[in-house]
Amino acid sequence: MAAAAIDLSFLEDPSSFGKSRFYEQDFGGDDLHDFQSCEPDAFTMAPVENPKTFCMDIKKSGEAPGLMDFAKGTTTLGFVFQGGIIIAVDSRASMGSYIGSQTVKKVIEINEFLLGTMAGGAADCSFWERHLTRLCRMHELRDKERISVAAASKLLANIFWQYRGQGLSCGTMVAGWDKKGPSLYMVDDQGDRHKGNVFSVGSGSTFAYGVLDTGYRYDLTVEEAVELGRRSIYHATHRDGASGGVVRVYHVHEKGWTKVIGGEDVNKLHYMYAAEKGLKGDE
């Protein structure tokens, strides 16, 4: 079979390596300013002296009390039992009385054996837990083994410690299964990191704890544990106006994690639980 000839003429002019493939095309002008019209319009800045620090300046002046006190709400929970770990969350994103979304995904799937939850500022939690996902993957590529739950939670705690006092708003949980079995950690924006068996984070956590404390025990079956997580989130959404939307429940076990409930409307749960007690649900 005859070999095809290879064109090596590009080696004669090495300077061409740094040029665009459109370099020799005529776009009707040689001035870079001709392309300014192609740039998208920038956001209009506030007509104040220093838009970048406007909110902080107003807060310091005392002219608008509460301007920077962003009220956020959510309910997330996790607990360890004999069958692994249950993670349950709601899906509402709010800012004060304004409901921004009812379909927020508050569980970050870090890898096949690790999960993270979001409570606090949605942008902060989402960004840094996705960054944690990248770090865990890099660890896996370098060391040829999955990162432990303790190490993953420590990475996140170290990041939060570095940014402590700079405005981050995060209350997260890291749950997973490694060589030592199931582990559950709570990490907050102050860099605090705690290992435990039962955690609930968010504005609705006090209501969720009431149900958890009543029904939790280590020897729960998987079905009982899933129901406890679902019921706890429902009661939190019923009493906490900043929590709501749908309930999502994950089960972490020795083979990874399973999404048991992908999204169950809390309104339907309200009437279902009311019917179990012989009520209509509008009492």
C-alpha atoms as a PDB file:
ATOM      1  CA  MET A   1       0.000   0.000   0.000  1.00  0.00           C
ATOM      2  CA  ALA A   2       1.431   3.370  -1.010  1.00  0.00           C
ATOM      3  CA  ALA A   3       2.072   5.870   1.769  1.00  0.00           C
ATOM      4  CA  ALA A   4       0.374   9.264   1.491  1.00  0.00           C
ATOM      5  CA  ALA A   5       2.645  12.300   1.227  1.00  0.00           C
ATOM      6  CA  ILE A   6       2.657  14.544   4.320  1.00  0.00           C
ATOM      7  CA  ASP A   7       2.603  18.305   3.822  1.00  0.00           C
ATOM      8  CA  LEU A   8       5.338  19.803   6.051  1.00  0.00           C
ATOM      9  CA  SER A   9       5.397  23.227   4.416  1.00  0.00           C
ATOM     10  CA  PHE A  10       4.124  24.830   7.634  1.00  0.00           C
ATOM     11  CA  LEU A  11       7.564  24.216   9.165  1.00  0.00           C
ATOM     12  CA  GLU A  12       9.119  26.759   6.803  1.00  0.00           C
ATOM     13  CA  ASP A  13       7.436  29.630   8.651  1.00  0.00           C
ATOM     14  CA  PRO A  14       7.380  28.967  12.428  1.00  0.00           C
ATOM     15  CA  SER A  15       5.791  32.387  13.083  1.00  0.00           C
ATOM     16  CA  SER A  16       2.564  31.064  11.605  1.00  0.00           C
ATOM     17  CA  PHE A  17       2.080  28.859  14.691  1.00  0.00           C
ATOM     18  CA  GLY A  18       0.891  31.860  16.718  1.00  0.00           C
ATOM     19  CA  LYS A  19      -1.542  33.136  14.107  1.00  0.00           C
ATOM     20  CA  SER A  20      -5.240  32.451  13.891  1.00  0.00           C
ATOM     21  CA  ARG A  21      -6.563  30.214  11.131  1.00  0.00           C
ATOM     22  CA  PHE A  22      -8.518  33.286   9.957  1.00  0.00           C
ATOM     23  CA  TYR A  23      -5.340  35.402   9.716  1.00  0.00           C
ATOM     24  CA  GLU A  24      -5.258  35.592   5.924  1.00  0.00           C
ATOM     25  CA  GLN A  25      -8.992  36.136   5.483  1.00  0.00           C
ATOM     26  CA  ASP A  26     -10.309  39.590   4.692  1.00  0.00           C
ATOM     27  CA  PHE A  27     -12.960  40.739   7.127  1.00  0.00           C
ATOM     28  CA  GLY A  28     -13.288  44.166   5.558  1.00  0.00           C
ATOM     29  CA  GLY A  29     -10.867  45.968   7.855  1.00  0.00           C
ATOM     30  CA  ASP A  30      -7.490  45.620   9.468  1.00  0.00           C
ATOM     31  CA  ASP A  31      -8.216  47.540  12.678  1.00  0.00           C
ATOM     32  CA  LEU A  32      -9.156  45.596  15.801  1.00  0.00           C
ATOM     33  CA  HIS A  33     -11.524  48.439  16.712  1.00  0.00           C
ATOM     34  CA  ASP A  34     -13.679  47.321  13.786  1.00  0.00           C
ATOM     35  CA  PHE A  35     -14.706  44.305  15.864  1.00  0.00           C
ATOM     36  CA  GLN A  36     -15.870  46.272  18.919  1.00  0.00           C
ATOM     37  CA  SER A  37     -19.416  46.254  17.609  1.00  0.00           C
ATOM     38  CA  CYS A  38     -19.411  42.461  17.999  1.00  0.00           C
ATOM     39  CA  GLU A  39     -18.881  42.657  21.769  1.00  0.00           C
ATOM     40  CA  PRO A  40     -22.002  42.187  23.914  1.00  0.00           C
ATOM     41  CA  ASP A  41     -23.245  45.136  25.918  1.00  0.00           C
ATOM     42  CA  ALA A  42     -22.048  45.249  29.522  1.00  0.00           C
ATOM     43  CA  PHE A  43     -24.400  45.423  32.489  1.00  0.00           C
ATOM     44  CA  THR A  44     -25.424  48.966  33.302  1.00  0.00           C
ATOM     45  CA  MET A  45     -23.732  50.011  36.519  1.00  0.00           C
ATOM     46  CA  ALA A  46     -25.588  51.801  39.289  1.00  0.00           C
ATOM     47  CA  PRO A  47     -25.231  55.608  38.982  1.00  0.00           C
ATOM     48  CA  VAL A  48     -23.299  55.965  42.245  1.00  0.00           C
ATOM     49  CA  GLU A  49     -19.738  56.926  43.056  1.00  0.00           C
ATOM     50  CA  ASN A  50     -18.519  53.373  43.724  1.00  0.00           C
ATOM     51  CA  PRO A  51     -20.939  50.682  42.494  1.00  0.00           C
ATOM     52  CA  LYS A  52     -18.656  47.851  43.676  1.00  0.00           C
ATOM     53  CA  THR A  53     -18.994  48.747  47.351  1.00  0.00           C
ATOM     54  CA  PHE A  54     -22.409  50.448  47.226  1.00  0.00           C
ATOM     55  CA  CYS A  55     -24.261  47.930  49.434  1.00  0.00           C
ATOM     56  CA  MET A  56     -21.516  47.856  52.062  1.00  0.00           C
ATOM     57  CA  ASP A  57     -21.267  51.660  52.057  1.00  0.00           C
ATOM     58  CA  ILE A  58     -25.013  51.970  52.636  1.00  0.00           C
ATOM     59  CA  LYS A  59     -24.855  49.431  55.467  1.00  0.00           C
ATOM     60  CA  LYS A  60     -22.048  51.339  57.186  1.00  0.00           C
ATOM     61  CA  SER A  61     -23.936  54.617  56.841  1.00  0.00           C
ATOM     62  CA  GLY A  62     -27.012  53.192  58.587  1.00  0.00           C
ATOM     63  CA  GLU A  63     -29.382  54.729  56.018  1.00  0.00           C
ATOM     64  CA  ALA A  64     -30.949  51.374  55.074  1.00  0.00           C
ATOM     65  CA  PRO A  65     -30.970  48.952  58.030  1.00  0.00           C
ATOM     66  CA  GLY A  66     -31.185  45.323  56.959  1.00  0.00           C
ATOM     67  CA  LEU A  67     -30.114  45.918  53.353  1.00  0.00           C
ATOM     68  CA  MET A  68     -27.285  43.397  53.564  1.00  0.00           C
ATOM     69  CA  ASP A  69     -29.011  41.013  55.968  1.00  0.00           C
ATOM     70  CA  PHE A  70     -30.139  38.597  53.303  1.00  0.00           C
ATOM     71  CA  ALA A  71     -32.668  36.195  54.815  1.00  0.00           C
ATOM     72  CA  LYS A  72     -32.190  32.713  53.379  1.00  0.00           C
ATOM     73  CA  GLY A  73     -33.944  29.459  54.178  1.00  0.00           C
ATOM     74  CA  THR A  74     -33.760  25.739  53.527  1.00  0.00           C
ATOM     75  CA  THR A  75     -33.971  22.369  55.227  1.00  0.00           C
ATOM     76  CA  THR A  76     -31.406  19.608  54.770  1.00  0.00           C
ATOM     77  CA  LEU A  77     -30.755  16.590  56.960  1.00  0.00           C
ATOM     78  CA  GLY A  78     -28.653  13.468  57.163  1.00  0.00           C
ATOM     79  CA  PHE A  79     -28.376  10.555  59.556  1.00  0.00           C
ATOM     80  CA  VAL A  80     -26.408   7.342  59.877  1.00  0.00           C
ATOM     81  CA  PHE A  81     -28.199   4.040  60.461  1.00  0.00           C
ATOM     82  CA  GLN A  82     -27.436   0.330  60.142  1.00  0.00           C
ATOM     83  CA  GLY A  83     -28.028   0.388  56.379  1.00  0.00           C
ATOM     84  CA  GLY A  84     -25.814   3.386  55.589  1.00  0.00           C
ATOM     85  CA  ILE A  85     -26.756   7.079  55.467  1.00  0.00           C
ATOM     86  CA  ILE A  86     -29.972   8.885  54.524  1.00  0.00           C
ATOM     87  CA  ILE A  87     -29.736  12.379  53.012  1.00  0.00           C
ATOM     88  CA  ALA A  88     -32.984  14.322  52.593  1.00  0.00           C
ATOM     89  CA  VAL A  89     -33.505  17.894  51.367  1.00  0.00           C
ATOM     90  CA  ASP A  90     -36.183  20.307  50.195  1.00  0.00           C
ATOM     91  CA  SER A  91     -35.897  22.345  46.981  1.00  0.00           C
ATOM     92  CA  ARG A  92     -36.935  25.947  47.720  1.00  0.00           C
ATOM     93  CA  ALA A  93     -34.621  28.917  47.159  1.00  0.00           C
ATOM     94  CA  SER A  94     -35.729  32.108  48.860  1.00  0.00           C
ATOM     95  CA  MET A  95     -34.576  35.575  49.843  1.00  0.00           C
ATOM     96  CA  GLY A  96     -36.728  36.864  52.622  1.00  0.00           C
ATOM     97  CA  SER A  97     -40.367  36.554  51.565  1.00  0.00           C
ATOM     98  CA  TYR A  98     -39.431  36.174  47.885  1.00  0.00           C
ATOM     99  CA  ILE A  99     -39.381  32.593  46.581  1.00  0.00           C
ATOM    100  CA  GLY A 100     -36.835  32.427  43.775  1.00  0.00           C
ATOM    101  CA  SER A 101     -37.227  28.783  42.836  1.00  0.00           C
ATOM    102  CA  GLN A 102     -39.042  25.614  43.877  1.00  0.00           C
ATOM    103  CA  THR A 103     -36.766  23.215  41.991  1.00  0.00           C
ATOM    104  CA  VAL A 104     -33.258  23.789  43.363  1.00  0.00           C
ATOM    105  CA  LYS A 105     -31.055  20.699  43.461  1.00  0.00           C
ATOM    106  CA  LYS A 106     -29.591  20.870  46.966  1.00  0.00           C
ATOM    107  CA  VAL A 107     -27.675  17.596  46.813  1.00  0.00           C
ATOM    108  CA  ILE A 108     -24.339  17.775  44.974  1.00  0.00           C
ATOM    109  CA  GLU A 109     -23.309  14.385  43.602  1.00  0.00           C
ATOM    110  CA  ILE A 110     -19.546  14.587  44.176  1.00  0.00           C
ATOM    111  CA  ASN A 111     -18.790  11.068  42.945  1.00  0.00           C
ATOM    112  CA  GLU A 112     -20.365   7.607  43.037  1.00  0.00           C
ATOM    113  CA  PHE A 113     -19.738   7.322  46.809  1.00  0.00           C
ATOM    114  CA  LEU A 114     -19.875  10.944  47.998  1.00  0.00           C
ATOM    115  CA  LEU A 115     -22.706  13.456  48.391  1.00  0.00           C
ATOM    116  CA  GLY A 116     -22.772  17.071  49.545  1.00  0.00           C
ATOM    117  CA  THR A 117     -25.742  19.183  50.663  1.00  0.00           C
ATOM    118  CA  MET A 118     -26.403  22.910  50.274  1.00  0.00           C
ATOM    119  CA  ALA A 119     -27.746  25.336  52.886  1.00  0.00           C
ATOM    120  CA  GLY A 120     -27.102  29.064  52.999  1.00  0.00           C
ATOM    121  CA  GLY A 121     -26.171  31.049  49.910  1.00  0.00           C
ATOM    122  CA  ALA A 122     -26.994  28.987  46.834  1.00  0.00           C
ATOM    123  CA  ALA A 123     -24.143  30.425  44.766  1.00  0.00           C
ATOM    124  CA  ASP A 124     -21.519  29.900  47.491  1.00  0.00           C
ATOM    125  CA  CYS A 125     -22.543  26.317  48.247  1.00  0.00           C
ATOM    126  CA  SER A 126     -22.950  25.309  44.622  1.00  0.00           C
ATOM    127  CA  PHE A 127     -19.617  26.764  43.512  1.00  0.00           C
ATOM    128  CA  TRP A 128     -17.454  25.449  46.339  1.00  0.00           C
ATOM    129  CA  GLU A 129     -18.990  21.977  46.405  1.00  0.00           C
ATOM    130  CA  ARG A 130     -18.503  21.666  42.664  1.00  0.00           C
ATOM    131  CA  HIS A 131     -14.934  22.796  43.220  1.00  0.00           C
ATOM    132  CA  LEU A 132     -14.692  20.035  45.834  1.00  0.00           C
ATOM    133  CA  THR A 133     -15.887  17.614  43.144  1.00  0.00           C
ATOM    134  CA  ARG A 134     -12.916  18.622  40.979  1.00  0.00           C
ATOM    135  CA  LEU A 135     -10.491  18.250  43.880  1.00  0.00           C
ATOM    136  CA  CYS A 136     -11.809  14.776  44.693  1.00  0.00           C
ATOM    137  CA  ARG A 137     -11.443  13.720  41.072  1.00  0.00           C
ATOM    138  CA  MET A 138      -7.864  15.046  40.968  1.00  0.00           C
ATOM    139  CA  HIS A 139      -7.079  13.058  44.127  1.00  0.00           C
ATOM    140  CA  GLU A 140      -8.479   9.935  42.473  1.00  0.00           C
ATOM    141  CA  LEU A 141      -6.346  10.452  39.364  1.00  0.00           C
ATOM    142  CA  ARG A 142      -3.162  11.144  41.345  1.00  0.00           C
ATOM    143  CA  ASP A 143      -3.447   8.443  44.008  1.00  0.00           C
ATOM    144  CA  LYS A 144      -5.381   5.811  42.005  1.00  0.00           C
ATOM    145  CA  GLU A 145      -8.010   5.489  44.746  1.00  0.00           C
ATOM    146  CA  ARG A 146     -11.135   7.318  45.863  1.00  0.00           C
ATOM    147  CA  ILE A 147     -10.769  10.029  48.443  1.00  0.00           C
ATOM    148  CA  SER A 148     -12.058   9.248  51.938  1.00  0.00           C
ATOM    149  CA  VAL A 149     -15.083  11.066  53.342  1.00  0.00           C
ATOM    150  CA  ALA A 150     -12.920  12.567  56.101  1.00  0.00           C
ATOM    151  CA  ALA A 151     -10.399  13.939  53.589  1.00  0.00           C
ATOM    152  CA  ALA A 152     -13.099  15.372  51.316  1.00  0.00           C
ATOM    153  CA  SER A 153     -14.790  17.162  54.217  1.00  0.00           C
ATOM    154  CA  LYS A 154     -11.403  18.444  55.398  1.00  0.00           C
ATOM    155  CA  LEU A 155     -10.675  19.925  51.968  1.00  0.00           C
ATOM    156  CA  LEU A 156     -13.968  21.827  52.100  1.00  0.00           C
ATOM    157  CA  ALA A 157     -13.366  22.969  55.692  1.00  0.00           C
ATOM    158  CA  ASN A 158      -9.897  24.269  54.748  1.00  0.00           C
ATOM    159  CA  ILE A 159     -11.383  26.292  51.888  1.00  0.00           C
ATOM    160  CA  PHE A 160     -14.012  27.833  54.151  1.00  0.00           C
ATOM    161  CA  TRP A 161     -11.369  28.610  56.786  1.00  0.00           C
ATOM    162  CA  GLN A 162      -9.341  30.560  54.213  1.00  0.00           C
ATOM    163  CA  TYR A 163     -12.386  32.690  53.366  1.00  0.00           C
ATOM    164  CA  ARG A 164     -13.626  33.046  56.942  1.00  0.00           C
ATOM    165  CA  GLY A 165     -15.044  36.480  57.658  1.00  0.00           C
ATOM    166  CA  GLN A 166     -15.300  37.404  53.976  1.00  0.00           C
ATOM    167  CA  GLY A 167     -19.018  36.882  53.535  1.00  0.00           C
ATOM    168  CA  LEU A 168     -19.426  33.219  52.577  1.00  0.00           C
ATOM    169  CA  SER A 169     -22.759  31.710  53.580  1.00  0.00           C
ATOM    170  CA  CYS A 170     -22.526  27.905  53.676  1.00  0.00           C
ATOM    171  CA  GLY A 171     -23.866  25.176  55.923  1.00  0.00           C
ATOM    172  CA  THR A 172     -23.051  21.899  54.241  1.00  0.00           C
ATOM    173  CA  MET A 173     -22.924  18.201  54.921  1.00  0.00           C
ATOM    174  CA  VAL A 174     -20.565  15.713  53.294  1.00  0.00           C
ATOM    175  CA  ALA A 175     -21.751  12.112  53.371  1.00  0.00           C
ATOM    176  CA  GLY A 176     -20.277   9.003  51.839  1.00  0.00           C
ATOM    177  CA  TRP A 177     -18.950   5.472  52.118  1.00  0.00           C
ATOM    178  CA  ASP A 178     -15.232   4.625  52.105  1.00  0.00           C
ATOM    179  CA  LYS A 179     -12.924   1.914  53.470  1.00  0.00           C
ATOM    180  CA  LYS A 180     -14.053   2.691  57.023  1.00  0.00           C
ATOM    181  CA  GLY A 181     -17.742   2.470  56.173  1.00  0.00           C
ATOM    182  CA  PRO A 182     -20.347   5.278  56.257  1.00  0.00           C
ATOM    183  CA  SER A 183     -19.329   8.739  57.479  1.00  0.00           C
ATOM    184  CA  LEU A 184     -21.283  11.972  57.862  1.00  0.00           C
ATOM    185  CA  TYR A 185     -19.698  15.401  58.409  1.00  0.00           C
ATOM    186  CA  MET A 186     -21.124  18.881  58.836  1.00  0.00           C
ATOM    187  CA  VAL A 187     -18.969  21.759  57.547  1.00  0.00           C
ATOM    188  CA  ASP A 188     -19.879  25.457  57.851  1.00  0.00           C
ATOM    189  CA  ASP A 189     -18.559  28.726  56.465  1.00  0.00           C
ATOM    190  CA  GLN A 190     -16.425  29.357  59.582  1.00  0.00           C
ATOM    191  CA  GLY A 191     -14.310  26.322  58.782  1.00  0.00           C
ATOM    192  CA  ASP A 192     -15.890  24.255  61.567  1.00  0.00           C
ATOM    193  CA  ARG A 193     -16.084  20.524  60.808  1.00  0.00           C
ATOM    194  CA  HIS A 194     -17.942  17.969  62.897  1.00  0.00           C
ATOM    195  CA  LYS A 195     -18.525  14.250  62.509  1.00  0.00           C
ATOM    196  CA  GLY A 196     -21.816  12.884  63.767  1.00  0.00           C
ATOM    197  CA  ASN A 197     -24.736  10.537  63.323  1.00  0.00           C
ATOM    198  CA  VAL A 198     -27.595  13.044  62.960  1.00  0.00           C
ATOM    199  CA  PHE A 199     -27.463  16.530  61.428  1.00  0.00           C
ATOM    200  CA  SER A 200     -30.004  18.997  60.113  1.00  0.00           C
ATOM    201  CA  VAL A 201     -28.973  22.325  58.601  1.00  0.00           C
ATOM    202  CA  GLY A 202     -31.073  25.309  57.544  1.00  0.00           C
ATOM    203  CA  SER A 203     -33.881  27.532  58.759  1.00  0.00           C
ATOM    204  CA  GLY A 204     -36.245  24.546  58.999  1.00  0.00           C
ATOM    205  CA  SER A 205     -33.763  22.374  60.880  1.00  0.00           C
ATOM    206  CA  THR A 206     -35.401  22.950  64.286  1.00  0.00           C
ATOM    207  CA  PHE A 207     -38.646  21.440  62.986  1.00  0.00           C
ATOM    208  CA  ALA A 208     -36.814  18.589  61.254  1.00  0.00           C
ATOM    209  CA  TYR A 209     -34.910  17.787  64.470  1.00  0.00           C
ATOM    210  CA  GLY A 210     -38.216  17.394  66.315  1.00  0.00           C
ATOM    211  CA  VAL A 211     -39.275  14.591  63.966  1.00  0.00           C
ATOM    212  CA  LEU A 212     -35.790  13.083  63.784  1.00  0.00           C
ATOM    213  CA  ASP A 213     -35.387  12.953  67.552  1.00  0.00           C
ATOM    214  CA  THR A 214     -38.728  11.196  67.844  1.00  0.00           C
ATOM    215  CA  GLY A 215     -38.233   8.556  65.160  1.00  0.00           C
ATOM    216  CA  TYR A 216     -34.472   8.036  64.858  1.00  0.00           C
ATOM    217  CA  ARG A 217     -32.769   4.858  65.965  1.00  0.00           C
ATOM    218  CA  TYR A 218     -29.718   3.106  64.564  1.00  0.00           C
ATOM    219  CA  ASP A 219     -31.466  -0.174  63.677  1.00  0.00           C
ATOM    220  CA  LEU A 220     -33.971   1.369  61.249  1.00  0.00           C
ATOM    221  CA  THR A 221     -34.673  -0.581  58.067  1.00  0.00           C
ATOM    222  CA  VAL A 222     -33.996   1.178  54.761  1.00  0.00           C
ATOM    223  CA  GLU A 223     -37.724   1.722  54.203  1.00  0.00           C
ATOM    224  CA  GLU A 224     -38.178   3.172  57.698  1.00  0.00           C
ATOM    225  CA  ALA A 225     -35.127   5.417  57.300  1.00  0.00           C
ATOM    226  CA  VAL A 226     -36.334   6.772  53.950  1.00  0.00           C
ATOM    227  CA  GLU A 227     -39.761   7.484  55.421  1.00  0.00           C
ATOM    228  CA  LEU A 228     -38.196   9.233  58.441  1.00  0.00           C
ATOM    229  CA  GLY A 229     -36.170  11.479  56.143  1.00  0.00           C
ATOM    230  CA  ARG A 230     -39.170  12.268  53.959  1.00  0.00           C
ATOM    231  CA  ARG A 231     -41.461  12.961  56.908  1.00  0.00           C
ATOM    232  CA  SER A 232     -38.871  15.183  58.620  1.00  0.00           C
ATOM    233  CA  ILE A 233     -38.434  17.362  55.546  1.00  0.00           C
ATOM    234  CA  TYR A 234     -42.203  17.587  55.031  1.00  0.00           C
ATOM    235  CA  HIS A 235     -42.842  18.812  58.595  1.00  0.00           C
ATOM    236  CA  ALA A 236     -40.053  21.374  58.222  1.00  0.00           C
ATOM    237  CA  THR A 237     -41.547  22.716  54.989  1.00  0.00           C
ATOM    238  CA  HIS A 238     -44.984  22.880  56.635  1.00  0.00           C
ATOM    239  CA  ARG A 239     -43.764  25.051  59.518  1.00  0.00           C
ATOM    240  CA  ASP A 240     -40.915  26.985  57.858  1.00  0.00           C
ATOM    241  CA  GLY A 241     -41.955  29.416  55.134  1.00  0.00           C
ATOM    242  CA  ALA A 242     -38.454  29.459  53.636  1.00  0.00           C
ATOM    243  CA  SER A 243     -38.518  25.690  52.980  1.00  0.00           C
ATOM    244  CA  GLY A 244     -40.713  23.946  50.446  1.00  0.00           C
ATOM    245  CA  GLY A 245     -40.971  22.620  46.912  1.00  0.00           C
ATOM    246  CA  VAL A 246     -40.261  18.907  46.709  1.00  0.00           C
ATOM    247  CA  VAL A 247     -38.575  16.334  48.941  1.00  0.00           C
ATOM    248  CA  ARG A 248     -35.516  14.495  47.626  1.00  0.00           C
ATOM    249  CA  VAL A 249     -34.078  11.505  49.475  1.00  0.00           C
ATOM    250  CA  TYR A 250     -30.762   9.711  48.857  1.00  0.00           C
ATOM    251  CA  HIS A 251     -29.513   6.475  50.396  1.00  0.00           C
ATOM    252  CA  VAL A 252     -25.731   6.048  50.734  1.00  0.00           C
ATOM    253  CA  HIS A 253     -24.649   2.400  50.995  1.00  0.00           C
ATOM    254  CA  GLU A 254     -21.598   0.214  50.444  1.00  0.00           C
ATOM    255  CA  LYS A 255     -22.126   0.135  46.661  1.00  0.00           C
ATOM    256  CA  GLY A 256     -22.472   3.912  46.334  1.00  0.00           C
ATOM    257  CA  TRP A 257     -25.551   6.092  46.613  1.00  0.00           C
ATOM    258  CA  THR A 258     -29.087   5.684  45.293  1.00  0.00           C
ATOM    259  CA  LYS A 259     -31.635   8.427  44.691  1.00  0.00           C
ATOM    260  CA  VAL A 260     -34.675   6.899  46.378  1.00  0.00           C
ATOM    261  CA  ILE A 261     -37.051   9.849  45.968  1.00  0.00           C
ATOM    262  CA  GLY A 262     -36.267  12.084  43.007  1.00  0.00           C
ATOM    263  CA  GLY A 263     -38.795  14.793  43.899  1.00  0.00           C
ATOM    264  CA  GLU A 264     -42.068  14.414  45.798  1.00  0.00           C
ATOM    265  CA  ASP A 265     -44.333  17.451  46.128  1.00  0.00           C
ATOM    266  CA  VAL A 266     -44.706  18.494  49.769  1.00  0.00           C
ATOM    267  CA  ASN A 267     -48.307  19.593  49.093  1.00  0.00           C
ATOM    268  CA  LYS A 268     -49.226  16.022  48.163  1.00  0.00           C
ATOM    269  CA  LEU A 269     -47.407  14.744  51.235  1.00  0.00           C
ATOM    270  CA  HIS A 270     -49.429  17.147  53.383  1.00  0.00           C
ATOM    271  CA  TYR A 271     -52.741  15.619  52.339  1.00  0.00           C
ATOM    272  CA  MET A 272     -51.337  12.089  52.414  1.00  0.00           C
ATOM    273  CA  TYR A 273     -50.157  12.431  56.018  1.00  0.00           C
ATOM    274  CA  ALA A 274     -53.420  14.158  56.965  1.00  0.00           C
ATOM    275  CA  ALA A 275     -55.433  11.265  55.524  1.00  0.00           C
ATOM    276  CA  GLU A 276     -53.390   8.816  57.620  1.00  0.00           C
ATOM    277  CA  LYS A 277     -54.678  10.642  60.704  1.00  0.00           C
ATOM    278  CA  GLY A 278     -58.258  10.744  59.438  1.00  0.00           C
ATOM    279  CA  LEU A 279     -58.102  14.449  58.575  1.00  0.00           C
ATOM    280  CA  LYS A 280     -58.776  16.392  55.386  1.00  0.00           C
ATOM    281  CA  GLY A 281     -55.620  18.513  55.548  1.00  0.00           C
ATOM    282  CA  ASP A 282     -57.357  21.903  55.660  1.00  0.00           C
ATOM    283  CA  GLU A 283     -58.002  22.001  59.379  1.00  0.00           C
END
